[in-house]
Amino acid sequence: MVLPGPAAALSCLRYDPVTAFQQADESSKRYMVVRGALSFDAEGLPDSYDEDAPEEWLTNGRVVGKSLASDGFLNDFAEDIVVVVGCIGPWCGMPQASDDALMFLRVEADGAAIYLDVDPCTPHHFGQPTEADFEAIEACRAGDCPPVPEYFRRGLGPATTEAGALP
């Protein structure tokens, strides 16, 4: 008789654009918010569930659109970026090429390096945002973020599996 092993599943709290904005705003890292098209080289991209997934997978990408200014998404933006797909165990983030995405880009080396971090729980990339999402981010930039439930304000906390918290 063969008994099945324990099942495992990744459980993440809901991650929305307002939460992403607030976390980026509170981070010691520098972020810019961009509305636009994302394209990237997907060759070798890990599956969303990949037993042999690396901790990180990098590929070249490009974002063309408008970056967020104090009065909205107004500044032209066209830059090559690095897409960083993060994996937690076998679960990986899944970037999506999109013509009208909302992205939180991490800026390093005084703007010489721009990264889009996409992991399974905090993707920093919203491939199908609504106009309400863009309006909420513009409100956040103006200092008037819509309310976020208390459990979002406390931070995402650890991702968990059925077996318990991940390290």
Foldseek 3Di string as FASTA:
>chain_A
DDDDDDDKDKDFDDDALLLLLVCQVPDPFHKWKWWFWKDWDCVPPADQFAQPDDQKDKTKMWTWGFIQDLQARDHTDIDIAIEIWGEQRRGIFDDDGAGTKIAIWTAPDNNPHIYQYQGDHHRRIGRDDDVVRRVQSSCVSNVRHDDDDPCSVVPGPFIAMPVGGGD
